[in-house]
C-alpha atoms as a PDB file:
ATOM      1  CA  UNK A   1     -18.063-111.557  58.145  1.00  0.00           C
ATOM      2  CA  UNK A   2     -18.353-111.170  54.313  1.00  0.00           C
ATOM      3  CA  UNK A   3     -21.448-109.759  52.725  1.00  0.00           C
ATOM      4  CA  UNK A   4     -23.527-112.335  50.865  1.00  0.00           C
ATOM      5  CA  UNK A   5     -25.253-111.586  47.565  1.00  0.00           C
ATOM      6  CA  UNK A   6     -28.204-113.367  45.978  1.00  0.00           C
ATOM      7  CA  UNK A   7     -30.187-112.319  42.880  1.00  0.00           C
ATOM      8  CA  UNK A   8     -28.402-109.013  42.733  1.00  0.00           C
ATOM      9  CA  UNK A   9     -29.348-108.054  46.352  1.00  0.00           C
ATOM     10  CA  UNK A  10     -26.774-107.517  49.086  1.00  0.00           C
ATOM     11  CA  UNK A  11     -27.539-108.616  52.682  1.00  0.00           C
ATOM     12  CA  UNK A  12     -25.917-107.335  55.845  1.00  0.00           C
ATOM     13  CA  UNK A  13     -24.417-109.631  58.501  1.00  0.00           C
ATOM     14  CA  UNK A  14     -27.610-109.216  60.523  1.00  0.00           C
ATOM     15  CA  UNK A  15     -29.709-110.520  57.678  1.00  0.00           C
ATOM     16  CA  UNK A  16     -31.160-107.156  56.612  1.00  0.00           C
ATOM     17  CA  UNK A  17     -31.436-106.310  52.933  1.00  0.00           C
ATOM     18  CA  UNK A  18     -29.113-103.633  51.585  1.00  0.00           C
ATOM     19  CA  UNK A  19     -29.413-101.569  48.396  1.00  0.00           C
ATOM     20  CA  UNK A  20     -29.534-103.722  45.204  1.00  0.00           C
ATOM     21  CA  UNK A  21     -26.393-103.823  43.066  1.00  0.00           C
ATOM     22  CA  UNK A  22     -26.434-101.365  40.127  1.00  0.00           C
ATOM     23  CA  UNK A  23     -25.211-103.512  37.205  1.00  0.00           C
ATOM     24  CA  UNK A  24     -26.890-101.232  34.599  1.00  0.00           C
ATOM     25  CA  UNK A  25     -25.097 -98.263  36.104  1.00  0.00           C
ATOM     26  CA  UNK A  26     -21.752-100.058  35.880  1.00  0.00           C
ATOM     27  CA  UNK A  27     -22.417-100.929  32.240  1.00  0.00           C
ATOM     28  CA  UNK A  28     -23.345 -97.323  31.563  1.00  0.00           C
ATOM     29  CA  UNK A  29     -20.146 -96.081  33.182  1.00  0.00           C
ATOM     30  CA  UNK A  30     -18.118 -98.621  31.219  1.00  0.00           C
ATOM     31  CA  UNK A  31     -19.799 -97.494  27.989  1.00  0.00           C
ATOM     32  CA  UNK A  32     -19.001 -93.863  28.777  1.00  0.00           C
ATOM     33  CA  UNK A  33     -15.393 -94.780  29.497  1.00  0.00           C
ATOM     34  CA  UNK A  34     -15.095 -96.648  26.183  1.00  0.00           C
ATOM     35  CA  UNK A  35     -16.695 -93.703  24.380  1.00  0.00           C
ATOM     36  CA  UNK A  36     -14.258 -91.217  25.932  1.00  0.00           C
ATOM     37  CA  UNK A  37     -11.331 -93.483  25.043  1.00  0.00           C
ATOM     38  CA  UNK A  38     -12.551 -93.824  21.446  1.00  0.00           C
ATOM     39  CA  UNK A  39     -12.911 -90.040  21.136  1.00  0.00           C
ATOM     40  CA  UNK A  40      -9.404 -89.487  22.510  1.00  0.00           C
ATOM     41  CA  UNK A  41      -7.935 -92.026  20.074  1.00  0.00           C
ATOM     42  CA  UNK A  42      -9.799 -90.568  17.079  1.00  0.00           C
ATOM     43  CA  UNK A  43      -9.331 -86.926  18.026  1.00  0.00           C
ATOM     44  CA  UNK A  44      -6.022 -86.413  16.119  1.00  0.00           C
ATOM     45  CA  UNK A  45      -7.604 -87.783  12.928  1.00  0.00           C
ATOM     46  CA  UNK A  46     -10.765 -85.733  13.453  1.00  0.00           C
ATOM     47  CA  UNK A  47      -8.741 -82.544  13.940  1.00  0.00           C
ATOM     48  CA  UNK A  48      -6.540 -83.309  10.907  1.00  0.00           C
ATOM     49  CA  UNK A  49      -9.570 -83.957   8.676  1.00  0.00           C
ATOM     50  CA  UNK A  50     -11.340 -80.852   9.976  1.00  0.00           C
ATOM     51  CA  UNK A  51      -8.330 -78.644   9.252  1.00  0.00           C
ATOM     52  CA  UNK A  52      -6.764 -80.083   6.118  1.00  0.00           C
ATOM     53  CA  UNK A  53      -9.994 -81.008   4.323  1.00  0.00           C
ATOM     54  CA  UNK A  54     -13.060 -79.115   5.456  1.00  0.00           C
ATOM     55  CA  UNK A  55     -11.317 -75.917   6.533  1.00  0.00           C
ATOM     56  CA  UNK A  56      -9.394 -75.669   3.269  1.00  0.00           C
ATOM     57  CA  UNK A  57     -12.523 -76.482   1.254  1.00  0.00           C
ATOM     58  CA  UNK A  58     -14.230 -73.546   2.943  1.00  0.00           C
ATOM     59  CA  UNK A  59     -11.101 -71.429   2.427  1.00  0.00           C
ATOM     60  CA  UNK A  60     -11.079 -72.281  -1.291  1.00  0.00           C
ATOM     61  CA  UNK A  61     -14.666 -71.098  -1.657  1.00  0.00           C
ATOM     62  CA  UNK A  62     -13.744 -67.923   0.215  1.00  0.00           C
ATOM     63  CA  UNK A  63     -10.760 -67.217  -2.034  1.00  0.00           C
ATOM     64  CA  UNK A  64     -13.016 -67.631  -5.082  1.00  0.00           C
ATOM     65  CA  UNK A  65     -15.083 -64.595  -4.035  1.00  0.00           C
ATOM     66  CA  UNK A  66     -12.229 -62.213  -3.193  1.00  0.00           C
ATOM     67  CA  UNK A  67      -9.845 -60.220  -5.399  1.00  0.00           C
ATOM     68  CA  UNK A  68      -6.533 -62.133  -5.357  1.00  0.00           C
ATOM     69  CA  UNK A  69      -5.032 -61.779  -8.853  1.00  0.00           C
ATOM     70  CA  UNK A  70      -1.361 -61.930  -7.852  1.00  0.00           C
ATOM     71  CA  UNK A  71       0.930 -63.825  -5.501  1.00  0.00           C
ATOM     72  CA  UNK A  72       0.296 -61.246  -2.762  1.00  0.00           C
ATOM     73  CA  UNK A  73      -2.923 -61.918  -0.795  1.00  0.00           C
ATOM     74  CA  UNK A  74      -5.830 -59.551  -1.383  1.00  0.00           C
ATOM     75  CA  UNK A  75      -9.017 -60.388   0.498  1.00  0.00           C
ATOM     76  CA  UNK A  76     -11.176 -57.633  -0.979  1.00  0.00           C
ATOM     77  CA  UNK A  77     -14.632 -59.152  -1.369  1.00  0.00           C
ATOM     78  CA  UNK A  78     -15.912 -59.075  -4.975  1.00  0.00           C
ATOM     79  CA  UNK A  79     -18.795 -61.531  -4.789  1.00  0.00           C
ATOM     80  CA  UNK A  80     -19.379 -63.628  -7.903  1.00  0.00           C
ATOM     81  CA  UNK A  81     -17.266 -61.427 -10.153  1.00  0.00           C
ATOM     82  CA  UNK A  82     -14.533 -64.064 -10.454  1.00  0.00           C
ATOM     83  CA  UNK A  83     -17.109 -66.726 -11.272  1.00  0.00           C
ATOM     84  CA  UNK A  84     -18.721 -64.616 -13.993  1.00  0.00           C
ATOM     85  CA  UNK A  85     -15.357 -63.833 -15.559  1.00  0.00           C
ATOM     86  CA  UNK A  86     -14.344 -67.484 -15.491  1.00  0.00           C
ATOM     87  CA  UNK A  87     -17.537 -68.718 -17.143  1.00  0.00           C
ATOM     88  CA  UNK A  88     -16.968 -66.165 -19.907  1.00  0.00           C
ATOM     89  CA  UNK A  89     -13.427 -67.443 -20.514  1.00  0.00           C
ATOM     90  CA  UNK A  90     -13.093 -69.432 -23.754  1.00  0.00           C
ATOM     91  CA  UNK A  91     -10.618 -71.962 -22.350  1.00  0.00           C
ATOM     92  CA  UNK A  92     -12.862 -72.659 -19.367  1.00  0.00           C
ATOM     93  CA  UNK A  93     -15.822 -73.261 -21.669  1.00  0.00           C
ATOM     94  CA  UNK A  94     -13.723 -75.723 -23.677  1.00  0.00           C
ATOM     95  CA  UNK A  95     -12.721 -77.416 -20.421  1.00  0.00           C
ATOM     96  CA  UNK A  96     -16.379 -77.958 -19.520  1.00  0.00           C
ATOM     97  CA  UNK A  97     -17.000 -79.449 -22.962  1.00  0.00           C
ATOM     98  CA  UNK A  98     -13.948 -81.664 -22.557  1.00  0.00           C
ATOM     99  CA  UNK A  99     -15.203 -82.776 -19.145  1.00  0.00           C
ATOM    100  CA  UNK A 100     -18.498 -83.969 -20.639  1.00  0.00           C
ATOM    101  CA  UNK A 101     -16.774 -85.817 -23.494  1.00  0.00           C
ATOM    102  CA  UNK A 102     -14.113 -87.280 -21.235  1.00  0.00           C
ATOM    103  CA  UNK A 103     -16.656 -88.470 -18.654  1.00  0.00           C
ATOM    104  CA  UNK A 104     -18.824 -90.079 -21.326  1.00  0.00           C
ATOM    105  CA  UNK A 105     -15.905 -91.891 -22.972  1.00  0.00           C
ATOM    106  CA  UNK A 106     -13.988 -92.806 -19.834  1.00  0.00           C
ATOM    107  CA  UNK A 107     -16.939 -94.033 -17.771  1.00  0.00           C
ATOM    108  CA  UNK A 108     -18.412 -96.045 -20.641  1.00  0.00           C
ATOM    109  CA  UNK A 109     -15.144 -97.761 -21.499  1.00  0.00           C
ATOM    110  CA  UNK A 110     -14.244 -98.588 -17.904  1.00  0.00           C
ATOM    111  CA  UNK A 111     -17.646 -99.988 -16.986  1.00  0.00           C
ATOM    112  CA  UNK A 112     -18.206-101.976 -20.195  1.00  0.00           C
ATOM    113  CA  UNK A 113     -14.658-103.339 -20.446  1.00  0.00           C
ATOM    114  CA  UNK A 114     -14.455-104.016 -16.714  1.00  0.00           C
ATOM    115  CA  UNK A 115     -17.739-105.934 -16.757  1.00  0.00           C
ATOM    116  CA  UNK A 116     -16.774-107.978 -19.829  1.00  0.00           C
ATOM    117  CA  UNK A 117     -13.390-108.907 -18.378  1.00  0.00           C
ATOM    118  CA  UNK A 118     -14.976-109.861 -15.054  1.00  0.00           C
ATOM    119  CA  UNK A 119     -17.554-112.021 -16.827  1.00  0.00           C
ATOM    120  CA  UNK A 120     -14.772-113.740 -18.744  1.00  0.00           C
ATOM    121  CA  UNK A 121     -12.808-114.501 -15.591  1.00  0.00           C
ATOM    122  CA  UNK A 122     -15.946-115.642 -13.776  1.00  0.00           C
ATOM    123  CA  UNK A 123     -16.333-118.375 -16.402  1.00  0.00           C
ATOM    124  CA  UNK A 124     -13.465-120.240 -14.682  1.00  0.00           C
ATOM    125  CA  UNK A 125     -11.052-120.016 -17.605  1.00  0.00           C
ATOM    126  CA  UNK A 126      -7.622-121.604 -17.448  1.00  0.00           C
ATOM    127  CA  UNK A 127      -4.818-119.496 -15.961  1.00  0.00           C
ATOM    128  CA  UNK A 128      -7.379-117.191 -14.364  1.00  0.00           C
ATOM    129  CA  UNK A 129      -4.860-115.831 -11.853  1.00  0.00           C
ATOM    130  CA  UNK A 130      -2.473-114.900 -14.672  1.00  0.00           C
ATOM    131  CA  UNK A 131      -5.126-113.088 -16.683  1.00  0.00           C
ATOM    132  CA  UNK A 132      -6.458-111.351 -13.563  1.00  0.00           C
ATOM    133  CA  UNK A 133      -2.959-110.037 -12.843  1.00  0.00           C
ATOM    134  CA  UNK A 134      -2.492-108.890 -16.445  1.00  0.00           C
ATOM    135  CA  UNK A 135      -5.828-107.064 -16.476  1.00  0.00           C
ATOM    136  CA  UNK A 136      -5.290-105.245 -13.184  1.00  0.00           C
ATOM    137  CA  UNK A 137      -1.576-104.494 -13.683  1.00  0.00           C
ATOM    138  CA  UNK A 138      -2.133-101.171 -15.556  1.00  0.00           C
ATOM    139  CA  UNK A 139      -3.833 -99.819 -12.422  1.00  0.00           C
ATOM    140  CA  UNK A 140      -0.492-100.107 -10.622  1.00  0.00           C
ATOM    141  CA  UNK A 141       1.189 -97.911 -13.248  1.00  0.00           C
ATOM    142  CA  UNK A 142       1.317 -94.192 -12.480  1.00  0.00           C
ATOM    143  CA  UNK A 143      -0.683 -91.790 -14.601  1.00  0.00           C
ATOM    144  CA  UNK A 144       2.476 -90.011 -15.722  1.00  0.00           C
ATOM    145  CA  UNK A 145       3.969 -93.248 -17.076  1.00  0.00           C
ATOM    146  CA  UNK A 146       0.666 -94.074 -18.753  1.00  0.00           C
ATOM    147  CA  UNK A 147       0.600 -90.643 -20.372  1.00  0.00           C
ATOM    148  CA  UNK A 148       4.160 -90.952 -21.652  1.00  0.00           C
ATOM    149  CA  UNK A 149       3.554 -94.407 -23.160  1.00  0.00           C
ATOM    150  CA  UNK A 150       0.271 -93.500 -24.811  1.00  0.00           C
ATOM    151  CA  UNK A 151       1.658 -90.200 -26.043  1.00  0.00           C
ATOM    152  CA  UNK A 152       4.108 -92.215 -28.127  1.00  0.00           C
ATOM    153  CA  UNK A 153       1.500 -94.791 -29.144  1.00  0.00           C
ATOM    154  CA  UNK A 154      -0.927 -92.112 -30.335  1.00  0.00           C
ATOM    155  CA  UNK A 155       1.647 -89.831 -31.962  1.00  0.00           C
ATOM    156  CA  UNK A 156       0.370 -89.281 -35.535  1.00  0.00           C
ATOM    157  CA  UNK A 157       3.626 -90.212 -37.289  1.00  0.00           C
ATOM    158  CA  UNK A 158       4.499 -93.276 -35.192  1.00  0.00           C
ATOM    159  CA  UNK A 159       3.052 -95.769 -32.758  1.00  0.00           C
ATOM    160  CA  UNK A 160      -0.374 -97.122 -33.644  1.00  0.00           C
ATOM    161  CA  UNK A 161      -0.637 -95.250 -36.938  1.00  0.00           C
ATOM    162  CA  UNK A 162       2.657 -96.737 -38.091  1.00  0.00           C
ATOM    163  CA  UNK A 163       1.481-100.197 -37.038  1.00  0.00           C
ATOM    164  CA  UNK A 164      -1.796 -99.790 -38.925  1.00  0.00           C
ATOM    165  CA  UNK A 165       0.136 -98.750 -42.030  1.00  0.00           C
ATOM    166  CA  UNK A 166       2.421-101.786 -41.807  1.00  0.00           C
ATOM    167  CA  UNK A 167      -0.438-104.320 -41.597  1.00  0.00           C
ATOM    168  CA  UNK A 168      -2.530-102.691 -44.327  1.00  0.00           C
ATOM    169  CA  UNK A 169      -5.059-101.024 -42.037  1.00  0.00           C
ATOM    170  CA  UNK A 170      -4.220 -97.464 -42.986  1.00  0.00           C
ATOM    171  CA  UNK A 171      -7.895 -96.491 -42.872  1.00  0.00           C
ATOM    172  CA  UNK A 172      -7.692 -96.802 -39.059  1.00  0.00           C
ATOM    173  CA  UNK A 173      -5.080 -94.064 -38.799  1.00  0.00           C
ATOM    174  CA  UNK A 174      -6.153 -91.109 -36.690  1.00  0.00           C
ATOM    175  CA  UNK A 175      -4.918 -87.797 -35.374  1.00  0.00           C
ATOM    176  CA  UNK A 176      -5.582 -89.106 -31.878  1.00  0.00           C
ATOM    177  CA  UNK A 177      -4.904 -86.488 -29.193  1.00  0.00           C
ATOM    178  CA  UNK A 178      -3.751 -83.925 -31.771  1.00  0.00           C
ATOM    179  CA  UNK A 179      -7.272 -83.681 -33.208  1.00  0.00           C
ATOM    180  CA  UNK A 180      -8.455 -80.134 -32.390  1.00  0.00           C
ATOM    181  CA  UNK A 181     -12.065 -81.274 -31.896  1.00  0.00           C
ATOM    182  CA  UNK A 182     -12.093 -84.819 -30.517  1.00  0.00           C
ATOM    183  CA  UNK A 183      -8.610 -85.083 -29.030  1.00  0.00           C
ATOM    184  CA  UNK A 184      -9.990 -85.511 -25.508  1.00  0.00           C
ATOM    185  CA  UNK A 185     -11.608 -88.803 -26.548  1.00  0.00           C
ATOM    186  CA  UNK A 186      -8.158 -90.201 -27.335  1.00  0.00           C
ATOM    187  CA  UNK A 187      -7.140 -89.337 -23.784  1.00  0.00           C
ATOM    188  CA  UNK A 188     -10.007 -91.499 -22.491  1.00  0.00           C
ATOM    189  CA  UNK A 189      -8.468 -94.537 -24.220  1.00  0.00           C
ATOM    190  CA  UNK A 190      -5.269 -94.191 -22.205  1.00  0.00           C
ATOM    191  CA  UNK A 191      -7.156 -93.500 -18.978  1.00  0.00           C
ATOM    192  CA  UNK A 192      -9.564 -96.422 -19.498  1.00  0.00           C
ATOM    193  CA  UNK A 193      -6.624 -98.756 -20.205  1.00  0.00           C
ATOM    194  CA  UNK A 194      -5.275 -97.855 -16.782  1.00  0.00           C
ATOM    195  CA  UNK A 195      -8.511 -97.974 -14.753  1.00  0.00           C
ATOM    196  CA  UNK A 196     -10.577-100.753 -16.378  1.00  0.00           C
ATOM    197  CA  UNK A 197      -8.702-103.425 -14.432  1.00  0.00           C
ATOM    198  CA  UNK A 198      -9.823-101.932 -11.138  1.00  0.00           C
ATOM    199  CA  UNK A 199     -13.455-101.872 -12.263  1.00  0.00           C
ATOM    200  CA  UNK A 200     -12.970-105.479 -13.399  1.00  0.00           C
ATOM    201  CA  UNK A 201     -11.911-106.407  -9.868  1.00  0.00           C
ATOM    202  CA  UNK A 202     -15.062-104.778  -8.448  1.00  0.00           C
ATOM    203  CA  UNK A 203     -17.344-106.630 -10.847  1.00  0.00           C
ATOM    204  CA  UNK A 204     -15.513-109.914 -10.325  1.00  0.00           C
ATOM    205  CA  UNK A 205     -16.041-109.645  -6.577  1.00  0.00           C
ATOM    206  CA  UNK A 206     -19.719-108.937  -7.207  1.00  0.00           C
ATOM    207  CA  UNK A 207     -20.064-111.883  -9.590  1.00  0.00           C
ATOM    208  CA  UNK A 208     -18.392-114.247  -7.128  1.00  0.00           C
ATOM    209  CA  UNK A 209     -20.875-113.087  -4.489  1.00  0.00           C
ATOM    210  CA  UNK A 210     -23.887-114.264  -6.517  1.00  0.00           C
ATOM    211  CA  UNK A 211     -25.154-117.637  -5.370  1.00  0.00           C
ATOM    212  CA  UNK A 212     -24.310-120.506  -7.708  1.00  0.00           C
ATOM    213  CA  UNK A 213     -27.630-122.142  -6.807  1.00  0.00           C
ATOM    214  CA  UNK A 214     -29.435-119.072  -8.159  1.00  0.00           C
ATOM    215  CA  UNK A 215     -27.679-119.437 -11.513  1.00  0.00           C
ATOM    216  CA  UNK A 216     -28.474-123.147 -11.626  1.00  0.00           C
ATOM    217  CA  UNK A 217     -32.126-122.481 -10.837  1.00  0.00           C
ATOM    218  CA  UNK A 218     -32.310-119.969 -13.696  1.00  0.00           C
ATOM    219  CA  UNK A 219     -30.714-122.486 -16.070  1.00  0.00           C
ATOM    220  CA  UNK A 220     -33.201-125.159 -14.998  1.00  0.00           C
ATOM    221  CA  UNK A 221     -36.037-122.728 -15.725  1.00  0.00           C
ATOM    222  CA  UNK A 222     -34.725-122.401 -19.271  1.00  0.00           C
ATOM    223  CA  UNK A 223     -32.904-119.075 -19.048  1.00  0.00           C
ATOM    224  CA  UNK A 224     -30.136-118.756 -21.626  1.00  0.00           C
ATOM    225  CA  UNK A 225     -26.917-116.809 -21.025  1.00  0.00           C
ATOM    226  CA  UNK A 226     -28.378-113.533 -22.300  1.00  0.00           C
ATOM    227  CA  UNK A 227     -31.482-113.767 -20.095  1.00  0.00           C
ATOM    228  CA  UNK A 228     -29.368-114.860 -17.135  1.00  0.00           C
ATOM    229  CA  UNK A 229     -27.272-111.691 -17.349  1.00  0.00           C
ATOM    230  CA  UNK A 230     -30.144-109.420 -18.293  1.00  0.00           C
ATOM    231  CA  UNK A 231     -32.663-110.418 -15.638  1.00  0.00           C
ATOM    232  CA  UNK A 232     -30.523-111.780 -12.801  1.00  0.00           C
ATOM    233  CA  UNK A 233     -26.830-110.936 -12.828  1.00  0.00           C
ATOM    234  CA  UNK A 234     -26.901-107.331 -14.057  1.00  0.00           C
ATOM    235  CA  UNK A 235     -29.729-106.276 -11.650  1.00  0.00           C
ATOM    236  CA  UNK A 236     -27.908-107.928  -8.743  1.00  0.00           C
ATOM    237  CA  UNK A 237     -24.752-106.017  -9.683  1.00  0.00           C
ATOM    238  CA  UNK A 238     -26.503-102.638  -9.541  1.00  0.00           C
ATOM    239  CA  UNK A 239     -24.688-101.586  -6.305  1.00  0.00           C
ATOM    240  CA  UNK A 240     -21.352-102.448  -7.928  1.00  0.00           C
ATOM    241  CA  UNK A 241     -22.282-100.455 -11.027  1.00  0.00           C
ATOM    242  CA  UNK A 242     -23.293 -97.516  -8.840  1.00  0.00           C
ATOM    243  CA  UNK A 243     -19.896 -97.648  -7.143  1.00  0.00           C
ATOM    244  CA  UNK A 244     -18.147 -97.858 -10.526  1.00  0.00           C
ATOM    245  CA  UNK A 245     -20.076 -94.816 -11.763  1.00  0.00           C
ATOM    246  CA  UNK A 246     -19.040 -92.808  -8.700  1.00  0.00           C
ATOM    247  CA  UNK A 247     -15.366 -93.825  -8.983  1.00  0.00           C
ATOM    248  CA  UNK A 248     -15.091 -93.190 -12.721  1.00  0.00           C
ATOM    249  CA  UNK A 249     -17.076 -89.972 -12.396  1.00  0.00           C
ATOM    250  CA  UNK A 250     -14.710 -88.698  -9.715  1.00  0.00           C
ATOM    251  CA  UNK A 251     -11.788 -89.709 -11.910  1.00  0.00           C
ATOM    252  CA  UNK A 252     -13.265 -87.724 -14.797  1.00  0.00           C
ATOM    253  CA  UNK A 253     -13.614 -84.586 -12.685  1.00  0.00           C
ATOM    254  CA  UNK A 254     -10.131 -84.622 -11.171  1.00  0.00           C
ATOM    255  CA  UNK A 255      -8.101 -86.037 -14.103  1.00  0.00           C
ATOM    256  CA  UNK A 256      -4.772 -84.239 -14.250  1.00  0.00           C
ATOM    257  CA  UNK A 257      -1.755 -86.442 -14.953  1.00  0.00           C
ATOM    258  CA  UNK A 258      -2.459 -87.693 -18.481  1.00  0.00           C
ATOM    259  CA  UNK A 259      -3.578 -84.272 -19.840  1.00  0.00           C
ATOM    260  CA  UNK A 260      -0.527 -82.761 -18.126  1.00  0.00           C
ATOM    261  CA  UNK A 261       1.738 -85.136 -20.059  1.00  0.00           C
ATOM    262  CA  UNK A 262      -0.072 -84.691 -23.379  1.00  0.00           C
ATOM    263  CA  UNK A 263      -0.358 -80.915 -22.987  1.00  0.00           C
ATOM    264  CA  UNK A 264      -3.424 -78.827 -23.762  1.00  0.00           C
ATOM    265  CA  UNK A 265      -3.433 -79.878 -27.421  1.00  0.00           C
ATOM    266  CA  UNK A 266      -4.561 -77.855 -30.413  1.00  0.00           C
ATOM    267  CA  UNK A 267      -7.270 -75.381 -29.374  1.00  0.00           C
ATOM    268  CA  UNK A 268      -7.135 -76.855 -25.840  1.00  0.00           C
ATOM    269  CA  UNK A 269      -8.512 -80.141 -27.215  1.00  0.00           C
ATOM    270  CA  UNK A 270      -7.003 -82.217 -24.376  1.00  0.00           C
ATOM    271  CA  UNK A 271      -7.215 -79.623 -21.614  1.00  0.00           C
ATOM    272  CA  UNK A 272      -8.812 -80.491 -18.257  1.00  0.00           C
ATOM    273  CA  UNK A 273     -10.192 -78.470 -15.364  1.00  0.00           C
ATOM    274  CA  UNK A 274      -7.522 -79.652 -12.924  1.00  0.00           C
ATOM    275  CA  UNK A 275      -4.684 -78.824 -15.318  1.00  0.00           C
ATOM    276  CA  UNK A 276      -6.183 -75.396 -16.041  1.00  0.00           C
ATOM    277  CA  UNK A 277      -6.489 -74.759 -12.305  1.00  0.00           C
ATOM    278  CA  UNK A 278      -2.864 -75.794 -11.770  1.00  0.00           C
ATOM    279  CA  UNK A 279      -1.608 -73.377 -14.409  1.00  0.00           C
ATOM    280  CA  UNK A 280      -3.712 -70.493 -13.123  1.00  0.00           C
ATOM    281  CA  UNK A 281      -2.779 -71.001  -9.469  1.00  0.00           C
ATOM    282  CA  UNK A 282       0.849 -72.121  -9.515  1.00  0.00           C
ATOM    283  CA  UNK A 283       2.168 -70.720 -12.787  1.00  0.00           C
ATOM    284  CA  UNK A 284       0.184 -67.528 -13.318  1.00  0.00           C
ATOM    285  CA  UNK A 285      -0.411 -66.856  -9.573  1.00  0.00           C
ATOM    286  CA  UNK A 286      -4.082 -66.052 -10.219  1.00  0.00           C
ATOM    287  CA  UNK A 287      -5.272 -67.451  -6.932  1.00  0.00           C
ATOM    288  CA  UNK A 288      -8.920 -66.384  -7.147  1.00  0.00           C
ATOM    289  CA  UNK A 289      -9.365 -67.739 -10.671  1.00  0.00           C
ATOM    290  CA  UNK A 290      -7.801 -71.044  -9.686  1.00  0.00           C
ATOM    291  CA  UNK A 291     -10.042 -71.195  -6.614  1.00  0.00           C
ATOM    292  CA  UNK A 292     -13.115 -70.787  -8.818  1.00  0.00           C
ATOM    293  CA  UNK A 293     -12.212 -73.904 -10.811  1.00  0.00           C
ATOM    294  CA  UNK A 294     -11.352 -75.816  -7.638  1.00  0.00           C
ATOM    295  CA  UNK A 295     -14.671 -74.830  -6.069  1.00  0.00           C
ATOM    296  CA  UNK A 296     -16.565 -75.934  -9.155  1.00  0.00           C
ATOM    297  CA  UNK A 297     -14.798 -79.299  -9.072  1.00  0.00           C
ATOM    298  CA  UNK A 298     -15.827 -79.707  -5.421  1.00  0.00           C
ATOM    299  CA  UNK A 299     -19.447 -78.930  -6.307  1.00  0.00           C
ATOM    300  CA  UNK A 300     -19.432 -81.436  -9.172  1.00  0.00           C
ATOM    301  CA  UNK A 301     -17.911 -84.078  -6.904  1.00  0.00           C
ATOM    302  CA  UNK A 302     -20.614 -83.421  -4.319  1.00  0.00           C
ATOM    303  CA  UNK A 303     -23.293 -84.250  -6.895  1.00  0.00           C
ATOM    304  CA  UNK A 304     -21.700 -87.691  -7.230  1.00  0.00           C
ATOM    305  CA  UNK A 305     -20.806 -88.348  -3.611  1.00  0.00           C
ATOM    306  CA  UNK A 306     -24.120 -87.098  -2.197  1.00  0.00           C
ATOM    307  CA  UNK A 307     -26.377 -89.772  -3.745  1.00  0.00           C
ATOM    308  CA  UNK A 308     -23.757 -92.435  -2.999  1.00  0.00           C
ATOM    309  CA  UNK A 309     -23.604 -91.575   0.708  1.00  0.00           C
ATOM    310  CA  UNK A 310     -27.401 -91.352   0.824  1.00  0.00           C
ATOM    311  CA  UNK A 311     -27.688 -94.854  -0.630  1.00  0.00           C
ATOM    312  CA  UNK A 312     -25.231 -96.211   1.948  1.00  0.00           C
ATOM    313  CA  UNK A 313     -27.226 -94.600   4.765  1.00  0.00           C
ATOM    314  CA  UNK A 314     -30.433 -96.057   3.343  1.00  0.00           C
ATOM    315  CA  UNK A 315     -28.905 -99.559   3.303  1.00  0.00           C
ATOM    316  CA  UNK A 316     -27.808 -99.228   6.931  1.00  0.00           C
ATOM    317  CA  UNK A 317     -31.254 -98.140   8.104  1.00  0.00           C
ATOM    318  CA  UNK A 318     -33.116-100.932   6.323  1.00  0.00           C
END
């Protein structure tokens, strides 16, 4: 005779009550099974990330404090000697200056141009899809191609200077990337041309996420376009701007391709940390010196990523 169940309690054929069914226990076992399955599926990725990212980050920091000046490994511990020598190097000091100038120019151009283009497209102009494609297309072009094109455009005896001369705007002629002092700022023009479209896409998504009723309410209250952007739209786009700052900041730290195409320039005017590290490590075989620059780039990136991850965690907990 089958066992009957009512309200989660099993009864025996004789009518006596048996032990209650353990539905919470079954759910707990099912949860543990799903957790084990998820861990098994993710384990290859976890191991790969642990080895090829975090292990090699730690290994890079270790190499930066040992004596390894040639291709042959030498793990003699020297402490911060490599760091002190690197910070006293003239080219490295110029690289740090270039990093500050490049970050200021690149981040400003990308954020301002990206926001303006997004605002223009958000106004529902004709052929919006065409203009959106044109604006974001440079992002699909490789950095090497961008460097080659802009190297010709900014060559002092041709390109833009020749065009300015032809249309009677000779006063706009410049040395561009060959300028021994401000050449790195010319590099930011090429880099911003490539990356502004991506920032535009971020801002456009943010603008399209703002309620149309909110804009109408502001207009009814008498807010003009300037006040609408100043007091409503720009504050609401703060998370997007924060993301844009992180992305452009990371791009400033790790920029390599365009300076590699343009070369180091006069007096290292267009040199970058990543390109300097590449030459030290893979051309001069100075592994410890290259590891110092790589470690510094990791530290600088952490200053950007840390606050960003903290803000994401704060949003999740609220």
